[in-house]
């Protein structure tokens, strides 16, 4: 395949528009949302997991305490890490 053929193939649509509409409707039905609601979700800005409440700070604290204990006792604690 030449470069020009590859670029031409990349410019072709990957999905037939009828099939895309049918699959989108099926997907929205399974999720229990309307297509407008689905599109509004898709247009939301991307977020990082740290934008939400999580246990990262607690995990960091526990790991530091685990390291202090390991240095004091001379034993490593390997629990789920």
N, C-alpha and C. Protein backbone atom coordinates (compact mmCIF):
# COMPACT_ATOMS: atom_id res chain seq x y z
N UNK A 1 0.85 -1.17 0.00
CA UNK A 1 0.00 0.00 0.00
C UNK A 1 0.89 1.23 0.00
N UNK A 2 0.59 2.13 -0.87
CA UNK A 2 1.37 3.36 -0.93
C UNK A 2 0.84 4.35 0.11
N UNK A 3 1.61 5.38 0.31
CA UNK A 3 1.21 6.40 1.28
C UNK A 3 -0.08 7.09 0.83
N UNK A 4 -0.19 7.37 -0.44
CA UNK A 4 -1.40 8.03 -0.95
C UNK A 4 -2.63 7.15 -0.78
N UNK A 5 -2.48 5.84 -1.02
CA UNK A 5 -3.59 4.92 -0.81
C UNK A 5 -4.00 4.87 0.66
N UNK A 6 -2.99 4.88 1.53
CA UNK A 6 -3.28 4.84 2.97
C UNK A 6 -3.99 6.11 3.42
N UNK A 7 -3.57 7.26 2.92
CA UNK A 7 -4.24 8.51 3.28
C UNK A 7 -5.67 8.54 2.75
N UNK A 8 -5.86 8.00 1.56
CA UNK A 8 -7.21 7.94 1.00
C UNK A 8 -8.09 7.02 1.84
N UNK A 9 -7.54 5.91 2.31
CA UNK A 9 -8.29 4.98 3.14
C UNK A 9 -8.64 5.61 4.50
N UNK A 10 -7.74 6.43 5.02
CA UNK A 10 -8.00 7.10 6.29
C UNK A 10 -9.08 8.16 6.17
N UNK A 11 -9.25 8.72 5.01
CA UNK A 11 -10.27 9.75 4.80
C UNK A 11 -11.66 9.17 4.62
N UNK A 12 -11.75 7.87 4.40
CA UNK A 12 -13.06 7.24 4.26
C UNK A 12 -13.72 7.11 5.63
N UNK A 13 -15.03 7.20 5.70
CA UNK A 13 -15.70 7.04 7.00
C UNK A 13 -15.51 5.62 7.53
N UNK A 14 -15.30 5.51 8.81
CA UNK A 14 -15.08 4.21 9.44
C UNK A 14 -16.38 3.46 9.67
N UNK A 15 -17.47 4.18 9.73
CA UNK A 15 -18.74 3.60 10.16
C UNK A 15 -19.84 4.13 9.26
N UNK A 16 -20.72 3.27 8.80
CA UNK A 16 -21.86 3.70 8.00
C UNK A 16 -22.80 4.53 8.88
N UNK A 17 -23.31 5.64 8.35
CA UNK A 17 -24.11 6.55 9.17
C UNK A 17 -25.40 5.90 9.67
N UNK A 18 -26.01 5.01 8.86
CA UNK A 18 -27.22 4.31 9.32
C UNK A 18 -26.90 3.38 10.49
N UNK A 19 -25.80 2.63 10.35
CA UNK A 19 -25.40 1.73 11.42
C UNK A 19 -25.03 2.49 12.68
N UNK A 20 -24.35 3.62 12.51
CA UNK A 20 -23.96 4.44 13.65
C UNK A 20 -25.19 4.94 14.40
N UNK A 21 -26.19 5.41 13.67
CA UNK A 21 -27.41 5.91 14.31
C UNK A 21 -28.14 4.79 15.03
N UNK A 22 -28.20 3.61 14.42
CA UNK A 22 -28.88 2.48 15.06
C UNK A 22 -28.13 2.03 16.31
N UNK A 23 -26.80 1.96 16.22
CA UNK A 23 -26.01 1.54 17.38
C UNK A 23 -26.07 2.57 18.50
N UNK A 24 -26.08 3.84 18.13
CA UNK A 24 -26.18 4.89 19.15
C UNK A 24 -27.53 4.82 19.86
N UNK A 25 -28.59 4.60 19.11
CA UNK A 25 -29.91 4.48 19.72
C UNK A 25 -29.97 3.27 20.64
N UNK A 26 -29.40 2.15 20.21
CA UNK A 26 -29.37 0.94 21.03
C UNK A 26 -28.58 1.18 22.31
N UNK A 27 -27.41 1.81 22.18
CA UNK A 27 -26.55 2.10 23.32
C UNK A 27 -27.26 3.00 24.33
N UNK A 28 -27.89 4.06 23.83
CA UNK A 28 -28.61 4.99 24.72
C UNK A 28 -29.78 4.29 25.41
N UNK A 29 -30.45 3.41 24.69
CA UNK A 29 -31.56 2.66 25.28
C UNK A 29 -31.06 1.78 26.42
N UNK A 30 -29.92 1.11 26.20
CA UNK A 30 -29.36 0.25 27.24
C UNK A 30 -28.90 1.04 28.46
N UNK A 31 -28.40 2.25 28.24
CA UNK A 31 -27.99 3.09 29.36
C UNK A 31 -29.16 3.77 30.04
N UNK A 32 -30.28 3.86 29.34
CA UNK A 32 -31.44 4.51 29.91
C UNK A 32 -31.36 6.03 29.84
N UNK A 33 -30.67 6.54 28.81
CA UNK A 33 -30.57 7.99 28.63
C UNK A 33 -31.05 8.34 27.23
N UNK A 34 -31.44 9.59 27.05
CA UNK A 34 -31.84 10.04 25.72
C UNK A 34 -30.58 10.34 24.91
N UNK A 35 -30.74 10.44 23.61
CA UNK A 35 -29.58 10.74 22.76
C UNK A 35 -29.07 12.15 23.03
N UNK A 36 -29.96 13.09 23.32
CA UNK A 36 -29.52 14.45 23.64
C UNK A 36 -28.70 14.47 24.93
N UNK A 37 -29.15 13.69 25.91
CA UNK A 37 -28.42 13.61 27.18
C UNK A 37 -27.06 12.96 26.96
N UNK A 38 -27.03 11.91 26.13
CA UNK A 38 -25.76 11.25 25.81
C UNK A 38 -24.79 12.22 25.15
N UNK A 39 -25.28 13.00 24.19
CA UNK A 39 -24.42 13.97 23.51
C UNK A 39 -23.95 15.06 24.48
N UNK A 40 -24.79 15.44 25.43
CA UNK A 40 -24.34 16.44 26.40
C UNK A 40 -23.24 15.87 27.29
N UNK A 41 -23.32 14.58 27.62
CA UNK A 41 -22.24 13.94 28.39
C UNK A 41 -20.95 13.89 27.58
N UNK A 42 -21.07 13.59 26.30
CA UNK A 42 -19.89 13.48 25.45
C UNK A 42 -19.23 14.84 25.22
N UNK A 43 -20.01 15.92 25.31
CA UNK A 43 -19.46 17.25 25.10
C UNK A 43 -18.90 17.88 26.38
N UNK A 44 -19.05 17.22 27.51
CA UNK A 44 -18.48 17.71 28.77
C UNK A 44 -16.96 17.70 28.67
N UNK A 45 -16.29 18.60 29.37
CA UNK A 45 -14.82 18.58 29.35
C UNK A 45 -14.30 17.34 30.10
N UNK A 46 -13.13 16.87 29.66
CA UNK A 46 -12.52 15.72 30.32
C UNK A 46 -12.10 16.10 31.74
N UNK A 47 -12.18 15.15 32.62
CA UNK A 47 -11.77 15.40 34.00
C UNK A 47 -10.77 14.34 34.43
N UNK A 48 -9.95 14.71 35.37
CA UNK A 48 -8.97 13.79 35.95
C UNK A 48 -9.58 13.18 37.21
N UNK A 49 -9.12 12.00 37.56
CA UNK A 49 -9.71 11.34 38.73
C UNK A 49 -9.49 12.13 40.00
N UNK A 50 -8.49 12.98 40.04
CA UNK A 50 -8.23 13.76 41.25
C UNK A 50 -9.26 14.89 41.42
N UNK A 51 -10.08 15.13 40.40
CA UNK A 51 -11.15 16.13 40.55
C UNK A 51 -12.25 15.64 41.48
N UNK A 52 -12.25 14.36 41.79
CA UNK A 52 -13.28 13.75 42.61
C UNK A 52 -12.67 13.27 43.92
N UNK A 53 -13.52 13.04 44.92
CA UNK A 53 -13.04 12.55 46.20
C UNK A 53 -12.42 11.17 46.02
N UNK A 54 -11.26 10.96 46.63
CA UNK A 54 -10.60 9.66 46.56
C UNK A 54 -9.73 9.46 47.80
N UNK A 55 -9.07 8.33 47.84
CA UNK A 55 -8.29 7.95 49.02
C UNK A 55 -6.79 8.16 48.83
N UNK A 56 -6.37 8.94 47.86
CA UNK A 56 -4.94 9.10 47.59
C UNK A 56 -4.18 9.66 48.79
N UNK A 57 -4.71 10.67 49.44
CA UNK A 57 -4.01 11.26 50.59
C UNK A 57 -3.88 10.27 51.74
N UNK A 58 -4.94 9.52 51.99
CA UNK A 58 -4.90 8.52 53.07
C UNK A 58 -3.91 7.40 52.74
N UNK A 59 -3.90 6.99 51.48
CA UNK A 59 -2.99 5.93 51.07
C UNK A 59 -1.54 6.39 51.23
N UNK A 60 -1.26 7.65 50.85
CA UNK A 60 0.09 8.19 50.98
C UNK A 60 0.51 8.24 52.46
N UNK A 61 -0.41 8.63 53.34
CA UNK A 61 -0.13 8.67 54.77
C UNK A 61 0.17 7.27 55.31
N UNK A 62 -0.67 6.31 54.95
CA UNK A 62 -0.47 4.93 55.42
C UNK A 62 0.85 4.37 54.92
N UNK A 63 1.20 4.65 53.65
CA UNK A 63 2.45 4.14 53.10
C UNK A 63 3.65 4.77 53.80
N UNK A 64 3.55 6.05 54.17
CA UNK A 64 4.66 6.67 54.89
C UNK A 64 4.78 6.09 56.29
N UNK A 65 3.65 5.84 56.96
CA UNK A 65 3.70 5.20 58.27
C UNK A 65 4.25 3.78 58.17
N UNK A 66 3.91 3.11 57.10
CA UNK A 66 4.41 1.76 56.86
C UNK A 66 5.94 1.80 56.68
N UNK A 67 6.44 2.80 55.97
CA UNK A 67 7.89 2.94 55.78
C UNK A 67 8.60 3.25 57.09
N UNK A 68 7.99 4.11 57.92
CA UNK A 68 8.59 4.43 59.23
C UNK A 68 8.63 3.18 60.09
N UNK A 69 7.56 2.42 60.13
CA UNK A 69 7.52 1.19 60.91
C UNK A 69 8.58 0.20 60.41
N UNK A 70 8.72 0.11 59.10
CA UNK A 70 9.69 -0.82 58.54
C UNK A 70 11.11 -0.42 58.93
N UNK A 71 11.41 0.88 58.95
CA UNK A 71 12.74 1.33 59.35
C UNK A 71 12.99 1.10 60.84
N UNK A 72 11.97 1.31 61.67
CA UNK A 72 12.13 1.13 63.12
C UNK A 72 12.26 -0.33 63.50
N UNK A 73 11.45 -1.19 62.93
CA UNK A 73 11.43 -2.60 63.29
C UNK A 73 12.36 -3.46 62.45
N UNK A 74 12.80 -2.94 61.31
CA UNK A 74 13.66 -3.72 60.43
C UNK A 74 12.89 -4.78 59.66
N UNK A 75 11.58 -4.65 59.62
CA UNK A 75 10.75 -5.61 58.89
C UNK A 75 9.90 -4.84 57.88
N UNK A 76 9.79 -5.42 56.70
CA UNK A 76 8.90 -4.83 55.71
C UNK A 76 7.48 -5.35 55.90
N UNK A 77 6.53 -4.50 55.71
CA UNK A 77 5.13 -4.90 55.76
C UNK A 77 4.62 -4.88 54.33
N UNK A 78 4.24 -6.03 53.82
CA UNK A 78 3.72 -6.11 52.45
C UNK A 78 2.28 -6.55 52.52
N UNK A 79 1.41 -5.58 52.68
CA UNK A 79 -0.02 -5.85 52.72
C UNK A 79 -0.66 -5.13 51.55
N UNK A 80 -1.08 -5.88 50.55
CA UNK A 80 -1.80 -5.34 49.39
C UNK A 80 -1.05 -4.21 48.70
N UNK A 81 0.29 -4.27 48.71
CA UNK A 81 1.00 -3.20 48.00
C UNK A 81 2.22 -3.73 47.31
